[in-house]
Amino acid sequence: MGTVYILQHSYEVGEDGQFDEIKMIGVYSSRESAEKTIVRYKMLSGFKDYPISCFYISKYEIDKDHWTDGFIKTDEALL
């Protein structure tokens, strides 16, 4: 099975950081490619205002389910 690397940028917003602002930056064939993208993006407007720890690289196998349960809406979670 093949593997891809998902690069995201995430930080907390709202009162007491109750929400996450998440940006899906890209999908890469190697971790190294994703890391090179972080080097470029950490200098860009907006991204440079947050620590490098806001970038996340996740490894995913392709042709495999990664979300296997249901979900609830945000307003239900806040009750």
Foldseek 3Di string as FASTA:
>chain_A
DAKKKWKKFWDFDDVVSPDIDIDGDDIGRDPVVNVVVLVVVCPDPPNVVDDSVRMDIDMDDPPDDDDDDDDDDPVVVVD
